[in-house]
Amino acid sequence: MQNVAIFWDKVAENYAKSPISDMDAYQTTLERTRSYLSPEDNILEVGCGTGSTALLLAKDVRQITASDVSGNMIKVGSDSAERDDVSNVRFVQAELFDNAIDNGPYDAVLAFNLLHLVEDTAAAVARINGLLKPGGLFISKTVCQPGAGAPLKFRLMMMVLPIMQMLGKAPYVKITEIGAFEEFISSGGFKIIETGNYPASPPSRYIVARKK
């Protein structure tokens, strides 16, 4: 955890300043997520980064606990919440398995652009299941393998990734095929009720799954 936290602490400032690469895909994800939330919901977001999504969703729910392994990311989010006078988002420095995340149970758990950075996907899905109420929702978006015709930029990135990781310039990454990734979720005690790719290539697989 410490090495992961150090990496994300180092990039937090630049991460906060970076524009969203595909705004249309992001807005679609946001609106699809909003359609599943209600004003009485108590939500957990894991891997919240600088908290921009949590802050945008705050008006749609009762409470959001926004967690991230990086203290610097959490500080950016906390400062933004204070500046924008958002009082129902609680920022917590923690990774998914930390006790600093209370056990809820939550109406929904959000994990956007996180699970391809987790070494044990099955354990992560099981942990999320345990944090949810019966019938609660797990809403995620995860980069998956594009299959044939992968964009050149993606192929180049995957070629240099091992070198970047050796130099401490990139985190752990595991890119899974869509079918295999969805099997992790289905096998983890969930029924998948919606899917989509936002963006389509390389696919960022958006999944809404209900706890059985």
Protein backbone atom coordinates (compact mmCIF):
# COMPACT_ATOMS: atom_id res chain seq x y z
CA MET A 1 0.00 0.00 0.00
CA GLN A 2 2.79 2.41 0.93
CA ASN A 3 4.48 2.29 -2.49
CA VAL A 4 1.13 2.78 -4.21
CA ALA A 5 0.32 5.74 -1.99
CA ILE A 6 3.74 7.30 -2.66
CA PHE A 7 3.25 6.99 -6.43
CA TRP A 8 -0.18 8.65 -6.41
CA ASP A 9 0.95 11.31 -3.94
CA LYS A 10 3.67 12.31 -6.38
CA VAL A 11 1.30 12.67 -9.34
CA ALA A 12 -1.66 14.19 -7.45
CA GLU A 13 -0.95 17.81 -8.39
CA ASN A 14 -0.62 17.10 -12.10
CA TYR A 15 -3.55 14.68 -11.97
CA ALA A 16 -5.76 17.41 -10.53
CA LYS A 17 -4.81 19.77 -13.36
CA SER A 18 -5.22 17.23 -16.19
CA PRO A 19 -8.33 17.65 -18.34
CA ILE A 20 -10.71 14.72 -18.76
CA SER A 21 -9.59 12.91 -21.90
CA ASP A 22 -13.09 12.07 -23.18
CA MET A 23 -15.70 14.43 -21.75
CA ASP A 24 -18.61 12.83 -23.64
CA ALA A 25 -17.79 9.41 -22.17
CA TYR A 26 -17.39 10.91 -18.71
CA GLN A 27 -20.73 12.72 -18.89
CA THR A 28 -22.47 9.56 -20.07
CA THR A 29 -21.00 7.64 -17.14
CA LEU A 30 -22.09 10.38 -14.75
CA GLU A 31 -25.66 10.49 -16.03
CA ARG A 32 -26.07 6.71 -16.09
CA THR A 33 -24.80 6.59 -12.49
CA ARG A 34 -27.16 9.37 -11.39
CA SER A 35 -30.10 7.40 -12.75
CA TYR A 36 -29.46 4.69 -10.13
CA LEU A 37 -29.03 6.99 -7.12
CA SER A 38 -31.63 8.48 -4.80
CA PRO A 39 -31.62 11.38 -2.31
CA GLU A 40 -31.58 9.02 0.69
CA ASP A 41 -28.60 6.96 -0.45
CA ASN A 42 -25.42 6.52 1.56
CA ILE A 43 -22.63 6.00 -1.00
CA LEU A 44 -19.00 4.87 -0.89
CA GLU A 45 -16.56 5.73 -3.67
CA VAL A 46 -13.28 3.80 -3.62
CA GLY A 47 -10.31 5.17 -5.53
CA CYS A 48 -11.93 8.60 -5.69
CA GLY A 49 -8.75 10.40 -6.79
CA THR A 50 -9.23 14.13 -6.32
CA GLY A 51 -12.94 13.62 -5.63
CA SER A 52 -14.31 15.41 -8.70
CA THR A 53 -16.94 12.74 -9.41
CA ALA A 54 -18.01 12.48 -5.76
CA LEU A 55 -18.49 16.25 -5.61
CA LEU A 56 -20.59 16.24 -8.78
CA LEU A 57 -22.80 13.45 -7.42
CA ALA A 58 -23.14 14.96 -3.93
CA LYS A 59 -26.39 16.78 -4.69
CA ASP A 60 -28.01 13.51 -5.78
CA VAL A 61 -27.50 11.57 -2.52
CA ARG A 62 -27.57 11.95 1.25
CA GLN A 63 -23.93 11.16 1.97
CA ILE A 64 -20.79 10.11 0.10
CA THR A 65 -17.66 8.66 1.69
CA ALA A 66 -14.88 9.30 -0.84
CA SER A 67 -11.77 7.22 -0.23
CA ASP A 68 -8.36 7.05 -1.87
CA VAL A 69 -4.97 5.63 -0.95
CA SER A 70 -3.28 8.98 -1.66
CA GLY A 71 -3.32 11.60 1.06
CA ASN A 72 -2.46 14.29 -1.49
CA MET A 73 -5.44 13.32 -3.66
CA ILE A 74 -7.69 13.43 -0.58
CA LYS A 75 -6.40 16.90 0.32
CA VAL A 76 -7.26 18.22 -3.14
CA GLY A 77 -10.77 16.78 -2.79
CA SER A 78 -11.25 18.13 0.72
CA ASP A 79 -10.10 21.58 -0.34
CA SER A 80 -12.49 21.51 -3.30
CA ALA A 81 -15.41 20.49 -1.07
CA GLU A 82 -14.64 23.32 1.34
CA ARG A 83 -14.28 25.84 -1.48
CA ASP A 84 -17.57 24.76 -3.10
CA ASP A 85 -19.38 24.46 0.26
CA VAL A 86 -20.18 20.76 -0.22
CA SER A 87 -20.89 19.33 3.22
CA ASN A 88 -22.11 15.79 2.49
CA VAL A 89 -18.87 14.36 1.07
CA ARG A 90 -16.50 12.86 3.65
CA PHE A 91 -12.97 12.31 2.37
CA VAL A 92 -10.96 9.43 3.85
CA GLN A 93 -7.40 8.35 3.09
CA ALA A 94 -7.68 4.57 2.77
CA GLU A 95 -7.34 1.76 0.32
CA LEU A 96 -10.17 -0.68 -0.23
CA PHE A 97 -9.22 -3.13 2.54
CA ASP A 98 -8.41 -0.56 5.23
CA ASN A 99 -10.40 -0.35 8.44
CA ALA A 100 -10.53 3.41 7.88
CA ILE A 101 -13.42 2.64 5.51
CA ASP A 102 -16.31 1.82 7.81
CA ASN A 103 -18.35 -1.23 6.91
CA GLY A 104 -21.50 0.69 6.04
CA PRO A 105 -23.53 -1.01 4.85
CA TYR A 106 -23.85 1.24 1.80
CA ASP A 107 -26.63 1.63 -0.74
CA ALA A 108 -24.03 1.77 -3.53
CA VAL A 109 -20.28 1.45 -3.97
CA LEU A 110 -18.62 3.28 -6.86
CA ALA A 111 -15.25 2.27 -8.34
CA PHE A 112 -14.30 4.32 -11.39
CA ASN A 113 -10.97 3.62 -13.11
CA LEU A 114 -9.75 1.55 -10.17
CA LEU A 115 -10.10 -2.20 -10.61
CA HIS A 116 -7.47 -2.50 -13.37
CA LEU A 117 -5.03 -1.10 -10.77
CA VAL A 118 -5.84 -3.79 -8.18
CA GLU A 119 -3.74 -6.95 -8.01
CA ASP A 120 -6.45 -9.27 -6.64
CA THR A 121 -9.67 -8.47 -8.50
CA ALA A 122 -11.68 -11.28 -6.93
CA ALA A 123 -10.74 -10.14 -3.40
CA ALA A 124 -11.63 -6.55 -4.28
CA VAL A 125 -15.06 -7.56 -5.60
CA ALA A 126 -15.68 -9.67 -2.48
CA ARG A 127 -14.75 -6.76 -0.24
CA ILE A 128 -17.12 -4.45 -2.12
CA ASN A 129 -19.90 -7.01 -1.85
CA GLY A 130 -19.40 -7.10 1.92
CA LEU A 131 -19.73 -3.32 2.15
CA LEU A 132 -23.14 -3.25 0.46
CA LYS A 133 -26.66 -3.66 1.76
CA PRO A 134 -28.65 -6.61 0.37
CA GLY A 135 -29.73 -5.48 -3.08
CA GLY A 136 -27.15 -2.67 -3.07
CA LEU A 137 -25.44 -1.54 -6.26
CA PHE A 138 -21.84 -1.83 -7.38
CA ILE A 139 -21.16 0.70 -10.14
CA SER A 140 -17.77 0.59 -11.81
CA LYS A 141 -15.85 1.59 -14.91
CA THR A 142 -12.66 -0.25 -15.81
CA VAL A 143 -10.26 -0.20 -18.75
CA CYS A 144 -10.39 -3.57 -20.54
CA GLN A 145 -8.53 -5.17 -23.43
CA PRO A 146 -9.69 -3.83 -26.79
CA GLY A 147 -9.18 -7.01 -28.82
CA ALA A 148 -8.34 -6.74 -32.53
CA GLY A 149 -7.61 -3.30 -33.90
CA ALA A 150 -6.40 -1.75 -30.66
CA PRO A 151 -5.49 1.93 -31.07
CA LEU A 152 -1.81 2.55 -31.71
CA LYS A 153 -1.56 4.77 -28.62
CA PHE A 154 -2.86 1.93 -26.45
CA ARG A 155 -0.45 -0.63 -27.96
CA LEU A 156 2.51 1.69 -27.44
CA MET A 157 1.45 2.37 -23.86
CA MET A 158 1.29 -1.34 -23.06
CA MET A 159 4.74 -1.86 -24.62
CA VAL A 160 6.44 0.80 -22.47
CA LEU A 161 4.42 0.11 -19.31
CA PRO A 162 6.80 -2.51 -17.83
CA ILE A 163 9.74 -0.12 -18.23
CA MET A 164 7.81 2.74 -16.65
CA GLN A 165 6.85 0.49 -13.75
CA MET A 166 10.48 -0.54 -13.19
CA LEU A 167 11.41 3.15 -13.03
CA GLY A 168 8.58 3.93 -10.60
CA LYS A 169 6.82 6.06 -13.21
CA ALA A 170 3.70 3.89 -13.51
CA PRO A 171 1.53 1.91 -11.06
CA TYR A 172 0.56 -1.75 -11.18
CA VAL A 173 -1.87 -2.31 -14.09
CA LYS A 174 -3.76 -5.43 -15.14
CA ILE A 175 -5.87 -5.12 -18.30
CA THR A 176 -8.44 -7.93 -18.57
CA GLU A 177 -10.78 -8.98 -21.36
CA ILE A 178 -14.36 -7.78 -20.86
CA GLY A 179 -15.81 -11.27 -20.51
CA ALA A 180 -13.25 -12.31 -17.91
CA PHE A 181 -13.72 -9.08 -15.98
CA GLU A 182 -17.49 -9.47 -15.89
CA GLU A 183 -17.03 -13.03 -14.65
CA PHE A 184 -15.15 -11.66 -11.62
CA ILE A 185 -18.19 -9.55 -10.79
CA SER A 186 -20.80 -12.23 -11.44
CA SER A 187 -18.82 -14.78 -9.42
CA GLY A 188 -18.50 -12.27 -6.59
CA GLY A 189 -22.18 -12.38 -5.69
CA PHE A 190 -23.59 -9.85 -8.13
CA LYS A 191 -26.12 -9.79 -10.94
CA ILE A 192 -25.04 -7.48 -13.76
CA ILE A 193 -27.94 -5.25 -14.82
CA GLU A 194 -26.30 -2.75 -17.19
CA THR A 195 -23.11 -2.54 -19.24
CA GLY A 196 -21.59 -0.16 -21.76
CA ASN A 197 -18.25 1.05 -23.12
CA TYR A 198 -17.54 4.73 -22.43
CA PRO A 199 -15.38 5.29 -24.43
CA ALA A 200 -15.65 2.44 -26.88
CA SER A 201 -11.95 2.13 -27.79
CA PRO A 202 -10.02 1.12 -25.87
CA PRO A 203 -13.10 0.01 -23.95
CA SER A 204 -13.73 1.46 -20.52
CA ARG A 205 -16.32 -1.06 -19.38
CA TYR A 206 -19.12 0.51 -17.37
CA ILE A 207 -20.96 -2.03 -15.23
CA VAL A 208 -23.90 -1.72 -12.87
CA ALA A 209 -24.35 -4.84 -10.73
CA ARG A 210 -26.78 -5.63 -7.93
CA LYS A 211 -25.79 -7.58 -4.84
CA LYS A 212 -27.67 -10.87 -4.76
